[in-house]
């Protein structure tokens, strides 16, 4: 039995925008503004270039493996199963850390509504909420996601209108409109690169489009086009969102709370009403993202347990009542709670991008091997995936030392376990994340 090919290009683009979220740069804005000394729009645009090359590689690999849709499968099939395992283990951090940073951000945003409840209490509430929703198998429907995307679109329009009104009433000294792109007094290439390695988080999720290959009309063409279009649309929209914010709130001015800085910007341009509207919108979006990320991580762990890449008795367990990998859900919930007490939003985002960038580098190299080494040696088959790999590598190297050290510890632990399971990789190891638990 085959899946029905019911999706067209515009369906893929809409789904991709919903997955990435049109408000994606807002929770990050304050952190990147602080890191890159005000050059947030520059980091967003550089990250978009890296993601465009990677999107092309993802789209082309989806042609070669239409039912896979995963970086670790591409790398394992094209290069070596052990490298595929290492890629998958690295990207597992994404699934664990996405709900973790959502727990942090939601807790900070909730304090804007009820400041009398302390941060640690909010972290217990949100980590518990994500876990409860997933244990009860409460998932957002496609219609609900579309409705949320529409609401986000309305809020974004309101923010841009109010920001334009506010900016037109401000003084405009020389260089006012170009400083967000380049300010010679504060520009530092190393810090901009660090900020860009964080800004990659804006685009995380676009690669999920590649998992829909079997449900799309003309997937060889439409998957690639859709991924590129999503990256461009999100990149341009994100650039506009952070550009107006930078004009209103220059880097020299400190934030009341760096994690929820965009909410404070909304309050500056639109008063208390817009402050609370943006705060609530981002809070709801982050709840959806955190709960969805936790379930995706639980399913990935289940797939690894099912295929004995991790201990099957624990990770391969499925609740007979709810058909949910409940032990994995609770494990990730515990990690989210403890992590929210230990690390900052910025560190969590960098660790998430540590794994994501390894996955993106792997996809680019897999595309290079498949289409240039084993295929036709054309300029496009050579230059595009290598450009994507080099840019992603540069961004990965630009992560702060703390993120790289913690990420390498995670990677070494995973490789050591993989080596143990495979007698030093003398026998192949594989794992896949199922789309559903049956």
Protein backbone atom coordinates (compact mmCIF):
# COMPACT_ATOMS: atom_id res chain seq x y z
CA UNK A 1 0.00 0.00 0.00
CA UNK A 2 1.28 3.46 -0.92
CA UNK A 3 0.53 6.85 0.58
CA UNK A 4 -1.80 9.05 -1.43
CA UNK A 5 -0.03 11.78 -3.40
CA UNK A 6 -2.32 14.64 -2.38
CA UNK A 7 0.12 17.48 -1.65
CA UNK A 8 1.05 20.19 -4.15
CA UNK A 9 3.83 22.77 -3.99
CA UNK A 10 1.75 25.40 -2.17
CA UNK A 11 0.78 22.80 0.46
CA UNK A 12 4.45 22.05 1.12
CA UNK A 13 5.37 25.72 1.40
CA UNK A 14 2.53 26.43 3.84
CA UNK A 15 3.39 23.38 5.93
CA UNK A 16 7.05 24.39 5.99
CA UNK A 17 6.22 27.90 7.17
CA UNK A 18 3.99 26.47 9.90
CA UNK A 19 6.72 24.05 11.00
CA UNK A 20 9.41 26.75 11.17
CA UNK A 21 6.94 29.41 12.46
CA UNK A 22 6.77 32.96 11.06
CA UNK A 23 7.66 34.35 14.51
CA UNK A 24 10.85 32.23 14.66
CA UNK A 25 13.38 35.09 15.18
CA UNK A 26 11.41 36.85 17.92
CA UNK A 27 12.43 34.68 20.91
CA UNK A 28 16.04 34.78 19.68
CA UNK A 29 16.28 38.48 18.95
CA UNK A 30 17.57 39.76 22.27
CA UNK A 31 20.17 37.00 22.65
CA UNK A 32 21.53 37.48 19.12
CA UNK A 33 21.40 41.28 19.44
CA UNK A 34 23.58 41.02 22.53
CA UNK A 35 25.93 38.47 20.97
CA UNK A 36 26.43 40.17 17.58
CA UNK A 37 26.44 43.72 18.95
CA UNK A 38 23.35 44.75 17.06
CA UNK A 39 23.92 43.05 13.69
CA UNK A 40 20.96 40.66 13.98
CA UNK A 41 19.68 41.19 10.44
CA UNK A 42 23.17 40.42 9.11
CA UNK A 43 23.26 37.14 11.03
CA UNK A 44 19.78 36.20 9.77
CA UNK A 45 20.77 36.79 6.14
CA UNK A 46 24.09 34.91 6.42
CA UNK A 47 22.29 31.98 8.06
CA UNK A 48 19.77 32.05 5.20
CA UNK A 49 22.55 31.56 2.65
CA UNK A 50 23.82 28.52 4.56
CA UNK A 51 20.29 27.11 4.81
CA UNK A 52 19.62 27.68 1.10
CA UNK A 53 22.60 25.56 0.07
CA UNK A 54 21.59 22.95 2.63
CA UNK A 55 17.97 23.04 1.43
CA UNK A 56 19.16 22.26 -2.10
CA UNK A 57 21.17 19.30 -0.78
CA UNK A 58 18.19 18.07 1.30
CA UNK A 59 15.90 18.37 -1.70
CA UNK A 60 18.26 16.47 -3.96
CA UNK A 61 18.82 13.72 -1.39
CA UNK A 62 15.04 13.40 -1.02
CA UNK A 63 15.04 12.45 -4.71
CA UNK A 64 17.58 9.70 -4.08
CA UNK A 65 15.87 8.41 -0.90
CA UNK A 66 12.20 9.40 -1.18
CA UNK A 67 11.09 7.43 1.90
CA UNK A 68 13.94 8.39 4.24
CA UNK A 69 13.94 12.13 4.87
CA UNK A 70 16.67 12.02 7.52
CA UNK A 71 20.24 13.27 7.64
CA UNK A 72 21.50 10.14 9.39
CA UNK A 73 20.03 7.89 6.68
CA UNK A 74 21.58 9.97 3.91
CA UNK A 75 25.01 9.93 5.59
CA UNK A 76 24.78 6.26 6.56
CA UNK A 77 23.82 5.17 3.05
CA UNK A 78 26.22 7.39 1.12
CA UNK A 79 29.30 7.43 3.35
CA UNK A 80 29.31 4.92 6.23
CA UNK A 81 26.80 3.54 8.72
CA UNK A 82 28.96 4.62 11.68
CA UNK A 83 29.01 8.22 10.44
CA UNK A 84 25.27 8.02 9.92
CA UNK A 85 24.93 6.89 13.53
CA UNK A 86 27.13 9.78 14.74
CA UNK A 87 25.06 12.23 12.69
CA UNK A 88 21.81 10.88 14.11
CA UNK A 89 23.16 10.95 17.65
CA UNK A 90 24.21 14.58 17.20
CA UNK A 91 20.80 15.55 15.84
CA UNK A 92 19.13 13.79 18.76
CA UNK A 93 20.22 16.80 20.80
CA UNK A 94 17.87 18.93 18.68
CA UNK A 95 14.88 16.89 19.76
CA UNK A 96 15.83 17.01 23.43
CA UNK A 97 16.93 20.65 23.51
CA UNK A 98 14.02 22.13 21.56
CA UNK A 99 11.51 21.43 24.37
CA UNK A 100 14.17 22.46 26.89
CA UNK A 101 14.68 25.95 25.46
CA UNK A 102 10.90 26.23 25.02
CA UNK A 103 10.54 25.45 28.73
CA UNK A 104 13.01 28.24 29.51
CA UNK A 105 11.37 30.77 27.18
CA UNK A 106 7.80 29.94 28.23
CA UNK A 107 8.78 30.32 31.89
CA UNK A 108 10.32 33.73 31.24
CA UNK A 109 7.29 34.84 29.19
CA UNK A 110 4.86 33.62 31.85
CA UNK A 111 6.68 35.77 34.41
CA UNK A 112 5.70 38.78 32.27
CA UNK A 113 2.07 37.84 32.97
CA UNK A 114 2.31 36.66 36.59
CA UNK A 115 5.64 37.92 37.98
CA UNK A 116 4.83 36.84 41.54
CA UNK A 117 5.28 33.17 40.61
CA UNK A 118 9.04 32.41 40.56
CA UNK A 119 10.92 31.09 37.55
CA UNK A 120 11.56 27.61 38.97
CA UNK A 121 7.84 27.11 39.56
CA UNK A 122 7.04 28.06 35.97
CA UNK A 123 9.66 25.59 34.69
CA UNK A 124 7.95 22.81 36.66
CA UNK A 125 4.62 23.84 35.18
CA UNK A 126 5.74 23.96 31.53
CA UNK A 127 7.95 20.86 31.61
CA UNK A 128 5.01 19.09 33.25
CA UNK A 129 2.55 20.51 30.70
CA UNK A 130 4.61 19.29 27.72
CA UNK A 131 4.92 15.86 29.31
CA UNK A 132 1.22 15.67 30.17
CA UNK A 133 0.12 16.61 26.65
CA UNK A 134 2.33 13.94 25.13
CA UNK A 135 1.46 11.22 27.63
CA UNK A 136 -2.23 11.89 26.92
CA UNK A 137 -1.50 11.84 23.17
CA UNK A 138 -2.92 15.33 22.67
CA UNK A 139 -1.55 16.58 19.37
CA UNK A 140 -2.26 19.76 17.45
CA UNK A 141 -4.26 19.20 14.28
CA UNK A 142 -3.31 20.58 10.89
CA UNK A 143 -6.27 22.97 11.10
CA UNK A 144 -5.14 24.24 14.51
CA UNK A 145 -1.59 24.76 13.22
CA UNK A 146 -2.92 26.69 10.23
CA UNK A 147 -5.09 28.83 12.54
CA UNK A 148 -2.10 29.57 14.78
CA UNK A 149 -0.04 30.53 11.75
CA UNK A 150 -2.81 32.91 10.66
CA UNK A 151 -2.92 34.50 14.12
CA UNK A 152 0.87 34.87 14.08
CA UNK A 153 0.60 36.54 10.67
CA UNK A 154 -1.92 39.07 12.02
CA UNK A 155 0.29 39.81 15.04
CA UNK A 156 3.35 40.26 12.81
CA UNK A 157 1.44 42.73 10.62
CA UNK A 158 0.34 44.66 13.71
CA UNK A 159 3.95 44.78 14.98
CA UNK A 160 5.28 46.00 11.62
CA UNK A 161 2.57 48.68 11.32
CA UNK A 162 3.21 49.98 14.84
CA UNK A 163 6.97 49.80 14.37
CA UNK A 164 6.76 51.79 11.13
CA UNK A 165 4.63 54.45 12.83
CA UNK A 166 7.10 54.64 15.73
CA UNK A 167 10.18 54.78 13.46
CA UNK A 168 8.72 57.58 11.31
CA UNK A 169 8.36 59.65 14.47
CA UNK A 170 11.99 59.11 15.53
CA UNK A 171 15.01 61.27 14.58
CA UNK A 172 17.01 59.79 11.68
CA UNK A 173 20.69 60.66 12.04
CA UNK A 174 23.13 59.74 9.23
CA UNK A 175 23.44 55.97 8.85
CA UNK A 176 20.28 55.33 10.89
CA UNK A 177 18.73 52.93 8.38
CA UNK A 178 21.96 51.09 7.51
CA UNK A 179 23.43 50.57 10.99
CA UNK A 180 21.45 47.36 11.63
CA UNK A 181 23.31 45.84 8.65
CA UNK A 182 26.72 47.27 9.47
CA UNK A 183 27.84 49.56 12.25
CA UNK A 184 31.62 50.21 11.99
CA UNK A 185 31.80 51.17 15.65
CA UNK A 186 30.55 47.80 16.92
CA UNK A 187 31.12 45.36 14.06
CA UNK A 188 33.25 42.36 14.99
CA UNK A 189 33.44 39.49 12.50
CA UNK A 190 33.98 36.85 15.19
CA UNK A 191 30.98 38.03 17.21
CA UNK A 192 28.80 38.26 14.09
CA UNK A 193 29.80 34.68 13.26
CA UNK A 194 28.85 33.62 16.79
CA UNK A 195 25.54 35.40 16.42
CA UNK A 196 24.96 33.70 13.07
CA UNK A 197 25.56 30.29 14.63
CA UNK A 198 22.67 31.17 16.97
CA UNK A 199 20.51 32.68 14.21
CA UNK A 200 20.47 29.30 12.44
CA UNK A 201 17.80 28.37 14.99
CA UNK A 202 15.43 30.64 13.05
CA UNK A 203 15.32 28.08 10.23
CA UNK A 204 15.30 24.84 12.20
CA UNK A 205 12.46 22.62 11.00
CA UNK A 206 12.54 23.35 7.25
CA UNK A 207 14.13 19.93 6.63
CA UNK A 208 10.95 18.18 7.85
CA UNK A 209 9.49 18.83 4.37
CA UNK A 210 11.76 16.09 3.01
CA UNK A 211 9.82 13.47 5.01
CA UNK A 212 6.72 14.10 2.85
CA UNK A 213 8.23 12.80 -0.40
CA UNK A 214 5.77 9.91 -0.71
CA UNK A 215 2.73 12.19 -0.40
CA UNK A 216 3.70 14.87 -2.94
CA UNK A 217 2.92 15.31 -6.60
CA UNK A 218 6.19 15.38 -8.56
CA UNK A 219 8.43 15.05 -5.45
CA UNK A 220 11.66 15.17 -7.48
CA UNK A 221 10.88 18.79 -8.31
CA UNK A 222 8.53 20.08 -5.61
CA UNK A 223 10.43 18.98 -2.48
CA UNK A 224 13.51 20.94 -3.48
CA UNK A 225 11.58 24.02 -4.62
CA UNK A 226 9.45 24.03 -1.46
CA UNK A 227 12.47 23.82 0.87
CA UNK A 228 14.21 26.69 -0.92
CA UNK A 229 11.02 28.80 -0.91
CA UNK A 230 10.45 28.21 2.80
CA UNK A 231 14.02 29.27 3.61
CA UNK A 232 13.67 32.43 1.49
CA UNK A 233 10.24 33.38 2.87
CA UNK A 234 11.25 32.78 6.50
CA UNK A 235 14.59 34.53 5.92
CA UNK A 236 13.09 37.67 4.38
CA UNK A 237 10.26 37.85 6.93
CA UNK A 238 12.68 37.30 9.81
CA UNK A 239 15.04 39.97 8.47
CA UNK A 240 12.18 42.49 8.38
CA UNK A 241 11.05 41.57 11.90
CA UNK A 242 14.50 42.05 13.44
CA UNK A 243 15.35 45.09 11.30
CA UNK A 244 12.50 47.22 12.66
CA UNK A 245 13.26 45.98 16.18
CA UNK A 246 16.89 47.07 15.85
CA UNK A 247 15.90 50.52 14.60
CA UNK A 248 13.61 51.01 17.60
CA UNK A 249 15.88 49.39 20.21
CA UNK A 250 19.60 49.88 19.35
CA UNK A 251 22.20 47.48 20.67
CA UNK A 252 23.58 50.07 23.08
CA UNK A 253 20.37 50.01 25.12
CA UNK A 254 20.13 47.11 27.61
CA UNK A 255 17.06 44.86 27.80
CA UNK A 256 14.96 44.29 30.94
CA UNK A 257 15.10 40.57 30.05
CA UNK A 258 17.24 39.39 27.16
CA UNK A 259 15.20 36.21 26.56
CA UNK A 260 11.94 38.12 26.07
CA UNK A 261 13.46 41.26 24.54
CA UNK A 262 11.12 41.24 21.53
CA UNK A 263 8.15 41.47 23.87
CA UNK A 264 9.69 44.58 25.45
CA UNK A 265 10.24 46.03 21.97
CA UNK A 266 6.54 45.41 21.21
CA UNK A 267 5.65 47.24 24.42
CA UNK A 268 7.78 50.21 23.41
CA UNK A 269 6.05 50.64 20.04
CA UNK A 270 2.50 49.62 20.97
CA UNK A 271 2.15 49.98 24.70
CA UNK A 272 0.77 47.47 27.17
CA UNK A 273 -1.74 45.94 24.72
CA UNK A 274 0.82 44.97 22.08
CA UNK A 275 3.25 43.86 24.81
CA UNK A 276 0.75 41.30 26.10
CA UNK A 277 -0.49 40.28 22.64
CA UNK A 278 3.03 39.48 21.43
CA UNK A 279 3.93 37.84 24.73
CA UNK A 280 0.86 35.58 24.61
CA UNK A 281 1.31 34.77 20.92
CA UNK A 282 4.92 33.71 21.38
CA UNK A 283 4.01 31.82 24.55
CA UNK A 284 1.34 29.76 22.73
CA UNK A 285 3.68 29.18 19.78
CA UNK A 286 6.46 28.02 22.11
CA UNK A 287 4.09 25.66 23.96
CA UNK A 288 3.19 24.04 20.63
CA UNK A 289 6.81 23.87 19.56
CA UNK A 290 7.99 22.46 22.89
CA UNK A 291 5.29 19.79 23.10
CA UNK A 292 5.80 18.81 19.46
CA UNK A 293 9.56 18.66 19.89
CA UNK A 294 9.25 16.47 22.97
CA UNK A 295 7.06 13.95 21.15
CA UNK A 296 9.38 13.95 18.13
CA UNK A 297 12.33 13.26 20.42
CA UNK A 298 10.44 10.48 22.17
CA UNK A 299 9.68 8.88 18.81
CA UNK A 300 13.29 9.12 17.70
CA UNK A 301 14.43 7.45 20.93
CA UNK A 302 11.76 4.80 20.36
CA UNK A 303 13.10 4.16 16.87
CA UNK A 304 16.63 3.79 18.23
CA UNK A 305 15.40 1.45 20.97
CA UNK A 306 13.33 -0.60 18.52
CA UNK A 307 16.38 -1.11 16.32
CA UNK A 308 18.57 -1.85 19.39
CA UNK A 309 20.77 1.21 18.89
CA UNK A 310 19.73 1.99 22.50
CA UNK A 311 18.53 -0.46 25.20
CA UNK A 312 15.23 -1.77 23.87
CA UNK A 313 13.64 -2.57 27.23
CA UNK A 314 13.47 1.13 28.14
CA UNK A 315 13.62 3.14 24.92
CA UNK A 316 11.60 0.68 22.84
CA UNK A 317 8.72 0.59 25.32
CA UNK A 318 5.28 1.78 24.17
CA UNK A 319 2.39 2.30 26.56
CA UNK A 320 -0.28 -0.29 25.70
CA UNK A 321 -3.01 2.15 26.72
CA UNK A 322 -2.01 5.31 24.80
CA UNK A 323 0.36 3.83 22.18
CA UNK A 324 2.90 6.50 23.17
CA UNK A 325 6.59 5.85 24.06
CA UNK A 326 5.79 7.06 27.55
CA UNK A 327 9.15 6.35 29.19
CA UNK A 328 10.93 8.43 26.57
CA UNK A 329 8.41 11.25 27.01
CA UNK A 330 9.01 11.31 30.77
CA UNK A 331 12.79 11.11 30.31
CA UNK A 332 12.82 14.13 28.01
CA UNK A 333 10.47 15.95 30.40
CA UNK A 334 12.92 15.36 33.26
CA UNK A 335 15.82 16.57 31.13
CA UNK A 336 13.84 19.72 30.23
CA UNK A 337 13.13 20.48 33.87
CA UNK A 338 16.68 19.93 35.10
CA UNK A 339 18.19 21.68 32.09
CA UNK A 340 16.00 24.75 32.59
CA UNK A 341 17.53 25.13 36.07
CA UNK A 342 21.12 24.66 34.87
CA UNK A 343 21.61 26.35 31.49
CA UNK A 344 20.54 29.58 29.84
CA UNK A 345 18.36 29.95 26.76
CA UNK A 346 21.43 31.03 24.78
CA UNK A 347 23.48 27.98 25.76
CA UNK A 348 20.56 25.67 25.02
CA UNK A 349 20.07 27.23 21.59
CA UNK A 350 23.77 26.87 20.79
CA UNK A 351 23.77 23.23 21.85
CA UNK A 352 20.73 22.61 19.68
CA UNK A 353 22.52 24.18 16.72
CA UNK A 354 25.63 22.10 17.49
CA UNK A 355 23.69 18.99 16.55
CA UNK A 356 21.70 20.62 13.74
CA UNK A 357 24.79 21.98 11.99
CA UNK A 358 26.47 18.55 12.13
CA UNK A 359 23.37 17.14 10.48
CA UNK A 360 23.38 19.88 7.83
CA UNK A 361 27.08 19.29 7.11
CA UNK A 362 26.36 15.59 6.77
CA UNK A 363 23.55 16.17 4.26
CA UNK A 364 25.75 18.45 2.16
CA UNK A 365 28.57 15.89 2.08
CA UNK A 366 26.13 13.08 1.30
CA UNK A 367 24.78 15.12 -1.64
CA UNK A 368 28.34 15.76 -2.82
CA UNK A 369 29.18 12.04 -2.71
CA UNK A 370 25.94 10.94 -4.34
CA UNK A 371 25.77 13.49 -7.16
CA UNK A 372 29.40 14.38 -7.85
CA UNK A 373 31.59 11.49 -6.67
CA UNK A 374 29.19 8.76 -7.83
CA UNK A 375 27.17 10.74 -10.36
CA UNK A 376 27.84 13.43 -12.94
CA UNK A 377 30.82 15.66 -12.30
CA UNK A 378 29.20 18.99 -13.08
CA UNK A 379 30.00 22.34 -11.50
CA UNK A 380 26.64 22.47 -9.69
CA UNK A 381 27.08 18.98 -8.24
CA UNK A 382 30.50 20.06 -6.97
CA UNK A 383 30.05 23.66 -5.82
CA UNK A 384 26.60 23.77 -4.20
CA UNK A 385 26.98 21.01 -1.58
CA UNK A 386 30.56 22.01 -0.79
CA UNK A 387 29.52 25.64 -0.30
CA UNK A 388 26.78 24.51 2.07
CA UNK A 389 29.22 22.30 3.96
CA UNK A 390 31.88 25.02 4.30
CA UNK A 391 29.43 27.68 5.52
CA UNK A 392 27.83 25.29 8.03
CA UNK A 393 31.29 24.21 9.21
CA UNK A 394 32.29 27.86 9.73
CA UNK A 395 29.13 28.47 11.75
CA UNK A 396 29.69 25.29 13.77
CA UNK A 397 33.24 26.39 14.57
CA UNK A 398 31.89 29.80 15.61
CA UNK A 399 29.81 28.35 18.43
CA UNK A 400 31.05 29.35 21.86
CA UNK A 401 33.54 27.04 23.54
CA UNK A 402 31.05 25.96 26.21
CA UNK A 403 28.60 24.73 23.57
CA UNK A 404 31.32 22.95 21.62
CA UNK A 405 32.71 21.24 24.74
CA UNK A 406 29.27 20.10 25.94
CA UNK A 407 28.32 19.03 22.43
CA UNK A 408 31.53 17.05 21.98
CA UNK A 409 30.94 15.29 25.30
CA UNK A 410 27.49 14.27 24.04
CA UNK A 411 28.97 13.14 20.71
CA UNK A 412 31.79 11.14 22.36
CA UNK A 413 29.34 9.37 24.67
CA UNK A 414 27.18 8.44 21.70
CA UNK A 415 30.09 7.23 19.59
CA UNK A 416 31.45 5.19 22.52
CA UNK A 417 28.08 3.52 22.98
CA UNK A 418 27.79 2.90 19.23
CA UNK A 419 31.26 1.37 19.19
CA UNK A 420 30.31 -0.89 22.10
CA UNK A 421 27.13 -2.03 20.34
CA UNK A 422 28.89 -2.80 17.05
CA UNK A 423 32.22 -4.20 18.20
CA UNK A 424 34.00 -1.00 17.17
CA UNK A 425 31.70 -0.55 14.17
CA UNK A 426 32.68 -3.89 12.65
CA UNK A 427 29.00 -4.56 12.10
CA UNK A 428 26.53 -1.95 10.83
CA UNK A 429 24.24 0.01 13.10
CA UNK A 430 21.08 1.71 11.99
CA UNK A 431 18.12 3.50 13.45
CA UNK A 432 15.09 5.27 12.08
CA UNK A 433 12.46 7.47 13.62
CA UNK A 434 9.02 6.16 12.78
CA UNK A 435 6.35 8.63 11.78
CA UNK A 436 3.92 7.01 14.22
CA UNK A 437 3.77 4.45 16.98
CA UNK A 438 1.60 1.44 16.21
